[in-house]
C-alpha atoms as a PDB file:
ATOM      1  CA  MET A   1       0.324   0.086  -0.019  1.00  0.00           C
ATOM      2  CA  ASN A   2       1.375   3.060  -0.926  1.00  0.00           C
ATOM      3  CA  THR A   3       1.219   5.719   1.702  1.00  0.00           C
ATOM      4  CA  ASN A   4       2.897   8.752   0.149  1.00  0.00           C
ATOM      5  CA  ILE A   5       1.714  11.423  -2.479  1.00  0.00           C
ATOM      6  CA  ILE A   6       4.326  12.262  -4.758  1.00  0.00           C
ATOM      7  CA  SER A   7       4.424  14.403  -7.583  1.00  0.00           C
ATOM      8  CA  SER A   8       4.766  12.653 -11.449  1.00  0.00           C
ATOM      9  CA  ASP A   9       7.629  14.763 -12.184  1.00  0.00           C
ATOM     10  CA  PHE A  10       9.779  13.717  -9.068  1.00  0.00           C
ATOM     11  CA  LYS A  11      13.621  12.899 -10.025  1.00  0.00           C
ATOM     12  CA  ASN A  12      15.230  10.850  -7.652  1.00  0.00           C
ATOM     13  CA  GLY A  13      19.066   9.486  -7.587  1.00  0.00           C
ATOM     14  CA  GLU A  14      20.083   6.112  -6.707  1.00  0.00           C
ATOM     15  CA  ASN A  15      19.147   4.453  -3.559  1.00  0.00           C
ATOM     16  CA  PHE A  16      16.416   6.623  -2.552  1.00  0.00           C
ATOM     17  CA  LYS A  17      14.601   5.846   0.174  1.00  0.00           C
ATOM     18  CA  ILE A  18      11.052   7.520   1.194  1.00  0.00           C
ATOM     19  CA  GLY A  19       9.446   6.680   4.967  1.00  0.00           C
ATOM     20  CA  HIS A  20       5.410   6.696   5.026  1.00  0.00           C
ATOM     21  CA  PHE A  21       2.686   9.488   4.542  1.00  0.00           C
ATOM     22  CA  CYS A  22       5.407  12.035   2.731  1.00  0.00           C
ATOM     23  CA  VAL A  23       3.948  14.425   0.359  1.00  0.00           C
ATOM     24  CA  ILE A  24       6.604  15.430  -2.709  1.00  0.00           C
ATOM     25  CA  GLU A  25       4.989  18.361  -4.878  1.00  0.00           C
ATOM     26  CA  GLU A  26       6.305  19.554  -8.419  1.00  0.00           C
ATOM     27  CA  GLY A  27       9.831  20.201  -9.348  1.00  0.00           C
ATOM     28  CA  VAL A  28      11.292  18.117  -6.873  1.00  0.00           C
ATOM     29  CA  GLU A  29      14.593  16.530  -7.061  1.00  0.00           C
ATOM     30  CA  VAL A  30      16.626  14.202  -4.830  1.00  0.00           C
ATOM     31  CA  GLY A  31      20.182  12.891  -5.044  1.00  0.00           C
ATOM     32  CA  ASN A  32      21.420   9.609  -5.044  1.00  0.00           C
ATOM     33  CA  ASN A  33      21.754   8.178  -1.233  1.00  0.00           C
ATOM     34  CA  VAL A  34      18.721  10.388   0.039  1.00  0.00           C
ATOM     35  CA  SER A  35      16.464   9.265   2.456  1.00  0.00           C
ATOM     36  CA  ILE A  36      13.434  10.853   3.690  1.00  0.00           C
ATOM     37  CA  ALA A  37      11.400   9.523   6.492  1.00  0.00           C
ATOM     38  CA  ASN A  38       8.092   9.477   8.044  1.00  0.00           C
ATOM     39  CA  TYR A  39       5.853  12.633   7.572  1.00  0.00           C
ATOM     40  CA  THR A  40       8.395  14.877   5.742  1.00  0.00           C
ATOM     41  CA  ILE A  41       6.508  17.296   3.210  1.00  0.00           C
ATOM     42  CA  LEU A  42       8.353  18.674   0.405  1.00  0.00           C
ATOM     43  CA  HIS A  43       7.077  21.721  -1.582  1.00  0.00           C
ATOM     44  CA  LYS A  44       7.640  22.546  -4.867  1.00  0.00           C
ATOM     45  CA  GLY A  45      10.863  22.909  -6.362  1.00  0.00           C
ATOM     46  CA  VAL A  46      13.463  21.743  -3.411  1.00  0.00           C
ATOM     47  CA  LYS A  47      16.701  20.735  -4.242  1.00  0.00           C
ATOM     48  CA  ILE A  48      18.294  17.844  -2.134  1.00  0.00           C
ATOM     49  CA  GLY A  49      21.765  17.034  -2.400  1.00  0.00           C
ATOM     50  CA  ASP A  50      23.751  13.294  -2.869  1.00  0.00           C
ATOM     51  CA  ASN A  51      24.101  11.591   0.480  1.00  0.00           C
ATOM     52  CA  THR A  52      21.309  13.747   2.672  1.00  0.00           C
ATOM     53  CA  VAL A  53      19.515  12.975   5.319  1.00  0.00           C
ATOM     54  CA  ILE A  54      15.926  14.055   5.933  1.00  0.00           C
ATOM     55  CA  GLY A  55      14.149  13.157   9.410  1.00  0.00           C
ATOM     56  CA  SER A  56      10.729  12.714  10.210  1.00  0.00           C
ATOM     57  CA  TYR A  57       8.247  15.549  10.647  1.00  0.00           C
ATOM     58  CA  CYS A  58       9.963  18.197   8.330  1.00  0.00           C
ATOM     59  CA  GLU A  59       8.713  20.295   5.852  1.00  0.00           C
ATOM     60  CA  ILE A  60      10.530  22.220   3.549  1.00  0.00           C
ATOM     61  CA  ASP A  61       9.257  25.011   1.985  1.00  0.00           C
ATOM     62  CA  ALA A  62       9.418  25.957  -2.021  1.00  0.00           C
ATOM     63  CA  GLY A  63      12.776  26.489  -3.590  1.00  0.00           C
ATOM     64  CA  CYS A  64      15.049  25.121  -0.869  1.00  0.00           C
ATOM     65  CA  ASP A  65      18.214  24.124  -2.093  1.00  0.00           C
ATOM     66  CA  ILE A  66      20.093  21.132   0.462  1.00  0.00           C
ATOM     67  CA  ARG A  67      23.432  20.364  -0.638  1.00  0.00           C
ATOM     68  CA  ARG A  68      25.216  17.341  -0.157  1.00  0.00           C
ATOM     69  CA  HIS A  69      26.093  15.404   2.843  1.00  0.00           C
ATOM     70  CA  VAL A  70      23.653  17.452   5.011  1.00  0.00           C
ATOM     71  CA  THR A  71      21.352  15.798   8.096  1.00  0.00           C
ATOM     72  CA  VAL A  72      17.930  17.274   8.859  1.00  0.00           C
ATOM     73  CA  GLN A  73      16.841  15.586  11.985  1.00  0.00           C
ATOM     74  CA  GLY A  74      13.011  15.537  12.948  1.00  0.00           C
ATOM     75  CA  ARG A  75      10.426  18.131  13.277  1.00  0.00           C
ATOM     76  CA  ILE A  76      12.406  21.068  10.935  1.00  0.00           C
ATOM     77  CA  ARG A  77      10.390  23.810   9.493  1.00  0.00           C
ATOM     78  CA  MET A  78      12.585  25.486   6.424  1.00  0.00           C
ATOM     79  CA  GLY A  79      10.952  28.539   5.044  1.00  0.00           C
ATOM     80  CA  SER A  80      10.785  29.501   1.461  1.00  0.00           C
ATOM     81  CA  GLY A  81      14.078  29.954  -0.333  1.00  0.00           C
ATOM     82  CA  CYS A  82      17.067  28.784   2.059  1.00  0.00           C
ATOM     83  CA  LEU A  83      19.888  27.563   1.197  1.00  0.00           C
ATOM     84  CA  VAL A  84      22.102  24.883   3.141  1.00  0.00           C
ATOM     85  CA  GLU A  85      25.578  24.347   1.532  1.00  0.00           C
ATOM     86  CA  ASP A  86      27.485  20.783   2.287  1.00  0.00           C
ATOM     87  CA  ASN A  87      28.415  18.750   5.383  1.00  0.00           C
ATOM     88  CA  VAL A  88      25.766  21.029   7.364  1.00  0.00           C
ATOM     89  CA  THR A  89      23.912  19.448  10.062  1.00  0.00           C
ATOM     90  CA  ILE A  90      20.480  20.734  11.593  1.00  0.00           C
ATOM     91  CA  LYS A  91      19.528  19.024  15.002  1.00  0.00           C
ATOM     92  CA  TYR A  92      15.515  18.627  15.632  1.00  0.00           C
ATOM     93  CA  GLY A  93      13.352  21.189  16.198  1.00  0.00           C
ATOM     94  CA  THR A  94      15.024  23.790  14.155  1.00  0.00           C
ATOM     95  CA  ILE A  95      12.450  26.530  12.581  1.00  0.00           C
ATOM     96  CA  LEU A  96      14.703  28.649   9.886  1.00  0.00           C
ATOM     97  CA  THR A  97      12.848  31.622   8.197  1.00  0.00           C
ATOM     98  CA  SER A  98      12.732  32.109   4.817  1.00  0.00           C
ATOM     99  CA  ASN A  99      16.254  32.875   2.616  1.00  0.00           C
ATOM    100  CA  VAL A 100      18.644  31.590   5.818  1.00  0.00           C
ATOM    101  CA  LEU A 101      21.752  30.679   4.051  1.00  0.00           C
ATOM    102  CA  LEU A 102      23.943  28.190   6.536  1.00  0.00           C
ATOM    103  CA  LYS A 103      27.053  27.891   5.072  1.00  0.00           C
ATOM    104  CA  GLU A 104      29.620  24.806   4.709  1.00  0.00           C
ATOM    105  CA  ASN A 105      30.197  22.486   8.036  1.00  0.00           C
ATOM    106  CA  CYS A 106      28.278  24.484   9.994  1.00  0.00           C
ATOM    107  CA  PHE A 107      25.867  23.190  12.903  1.00  0.00           C
ATOM    108  CA  LEU A 108      22.723  23.968  14.610  1.00  0.00           C
ATOM    109  CA  GLY A 109      21.963  22.708  17.904  1.00  0.00           C
ATOM    110  CA  PRO A 110      18.471  21.398  18.759  1.00  0.00           C
ATOM    111  CA  ASN A 111      15.554  23.600  18.770  1.00  0.00           C
ATOM    112  CA  VAL A 112      17.242  27.610  17.312  1.00  0.00           C
ATOM    113  CA  ILE A 113      15.405  29.086  15.722  1.00  0.00           C
ATOM    114  CA  THR A 114      15.906  31.915  13.143  1.00  0.00           C
ATOM    115  CA  LEU A 115      13.341  34.635  13.534  1.00  0.00           C
ATOM    116  CA  GLY A 116      11.428  36.674  10.733  1.00  0.00           C
ATOM    117  CA  SER A 117      10.602  39.859  12.203  1.00  0.00           C
ATOM    118  CA  THR A 118      10.865  42.316  14.353  1.00  0.00           C
ATOM    119  CA  HIS A 119       9.605  43.548  17.692  1.00  0.00           C
ATOM    120  CA  LYS A 120       7.166  46.055  15.147  1.00  0.00           C
ATOM    121  CA  ARG A 121       6.447  43.092  13.157  1.00  0.00           C
ATOM    122  CA  VAL A 122       8.519  44.145  10.150  1.00  0.00           C
ATOM    123  CA  THR A 123       9.568  40.996   8.285  1.00  0.00           C
ATOM    124  CA  VAL A 124      12.832  40.938   8.015  1.00  0.00           C
ATOM    125  CA  HIS A 125      14.564  37.261   6.375  1.00  0.00           C
ATOM    126  CA  GLY A 126      18.256  36.544   4.773  1.00  0.00           C
ATOM    127  CA  THR A 127      19.940  35.566   8.047  1.00  0.00           C
ATOM    128  CA  ILE A 128      23.473  33.743   7.204  1.00  0.00           C
ATOM    129  CA  ILE A 129      25.438  31.256   9.642  1.00  0.00           C
ATOM    130  CA  GLY A 130      29.239  31.018   7.910  1.00  0.00           C
ATOM    131  CA  ASN A 131      31.591  28.261   7.766  1.00  0.00           C
ATOM    132  CA  ASN A 132      32.651  25.788  10.375  1.00  0.00           C
ATOM    133  CA  THR A 133      29.852  27.851  12.903  1.00  0.00           C
ATOM    134  CA  TYR A 134      28.798  26.089  15.961  1.00  0.00           C
ATOM    135  CA  ILE A 135      25.261  27.306  17.476  1.00  0.00           C
ATOM    136  CA  GLY A 136      23.939  25.704  20.625  1.00  0.00           C
ATOM    137  CA  ALA A 137      20.569  24.474  21.496  1.00  0.00           C
ATOM    138  CA  GLY A 138      17.994  26.951  21.851  1.00  0.00           C
ATOM    139  CA  THR A 139      19.430  29.639  20.417  1.00  0.00           C
ATOM    140  CA  LYS A 140      17.360  32.540  19.050  1.00  0.00           C
ATOM    141  CA  ILE A 141      18.520  34.533  16.444  1.00  0.00           C
ATOM    142  CA  ALA A 142      17.061  37.739  14.984  1.00  0.00           C
ATOM    143  CA  GLY A 143      15.812  38.796  11.651  1.00  0.00           C
ATOM    144  CA  GLY A 144      18.352  39.313   8.945  1.00  0.00           C
ATOM    145  CA  ILE A 145      21.631  38.623  11.205  1.00  0.00           C
ATOM    146  CA  ILE A 146      24.971  37.800   9.970  1.00  0.00           C
ATOM    147  CA  ILE A 147      27.116  35.462  11.812  1.00  0.00           C
ATOM    148  CA  GLY A 148      30.401  34.591  10.377  1.00  0.00           C
ATOM    149  CA  SER A 149      32.765  31.952  10.079  1.00  0.00           C
ATOM    150  CA  ASP A 150      34.652  29.944  12.593  1.00  0.00           C
ATOM    151  CA  LEU A 151      32.827  30.764  15.780  1.00  0.00           C
ATOM    152  CA  THR A 152      30.952  29.314  18.406  1.00  0.00           C
ATOM    153  CA  VAL A 153      27.479  30.601  20.041  1.00  0.00           C
ATOM    154  CA  GLY A 154      26.525  28.871  23.209  1.00  0.00           C
ATOM    155  CA  ALA A 155      23.201  27.448  24.086  1.00  0.00           C
ATOM    156  CA  LEU A 156      20.117  29.336  24.965  1.00  0.00           C
ATOM    157  CA  SER A 157      21.457  32.313  23.641  1.00  0.00           C
ATOM    158  CA  PHE A 158      20.059  35.493  21.671  1.00  0.00           C
ATOM    159  CA  VAL A 159      22.314  36.754  18.711  1.00  0.00           C
ATOM    160  CA  ASN A 160      20.709  40.209  18.198  1.00  0.00           C
ATOM    161  CA  LYS A 161      23.413  41.795  16.459  1.00  0.00           C
ATOM    162  CA  ASN A 162      25.950  40.717  13.632  1.00  0.00           C
ATOM    163  CA  VAL A 163      28.834  38.665  14.610  1.00  0.00           C
ATOM    164  CA  ASP A 164      31.768  38.605  12.572  1.00  0.00           C
ATOM    165  CA  GLU A 165      35.011  38.574  15.118  1.00  0.00           C
ATOM    166  CA  LYS A 166      36.258  34.740  15.507  1.00  0.00           C
ATOM    167  CA  GLY A 167      35.549  33.006  18.894  1.00  0.00           C
ATOM    168  CA  VAL A 168      32.876  31.822  21.919  1.00  0.00           C
ATOM    169  CA  TYR A 169      29.919  33.897  22.061  1.00  0.00           C
ATOM    170  CA  ALA A 170      26.990  33.594  24.568  1.00  0.00           C
ATOM    171  CA  GLY A 171      24.109  35.204  26.501  1.00  0.00           C
ATOM    172  CA  THR A 172      21.208  37.374  26.100  1.00  0.00           C
ATOM    173  CA  PRO A 173      22.054  39.220  24.631  1.00  0.00           C
ATOM    174  CA  ILE A 174      25.385  37.609  23.044  1.00  0.00           C
ATOM    175  CA  ARG A 175      28.379  38.649  24.325  1.00  0.00           C
ATOM    176  CA  LYS A 176      31.882  37.909  23.260  1.00  0.00           C
ATOM    177  CA  LEU A 177      33.305  35.316  26.314  1.00  0.00           C
ATOM    178  CA  ARG A 178      36.868  34.677  24.477  1.00  0.00           C
END
């Protein structure tokens, strides 16, 4: 019994695996050795590269581009137009607003949220997280923030300003520790 709803134009590479109760819309393409777990929705035009794992209960919005060797654990919500470069890990429960860029080798701990608007309800997208950057569990990142490469943000922090100097940051709001 087929429990999935898959568009007729869906393109997949070799060794593709899919769970149950998934929805794959028009224009979706996945590479070789891709695994998609149960209850996941891939909206129009999503691209997923080779050797990538998408967990259960994920929703990946239209036009997202997930490159190679990426791990997207369960219960992830990814807004439209996000780009996830190679070797990225996104842990359980993370929410990314639209047009987020996750550069190579970055790590987002569980329940990280990129915010999509200001306290005045002005929409702000386009958060960027740099290469080799570690974002700790439960961290919240204000809309449109740029976090540079080769730095660490501690768990439960609030990133309310651009950060580009290498180092370790933590707190609410964040400050440089070393």
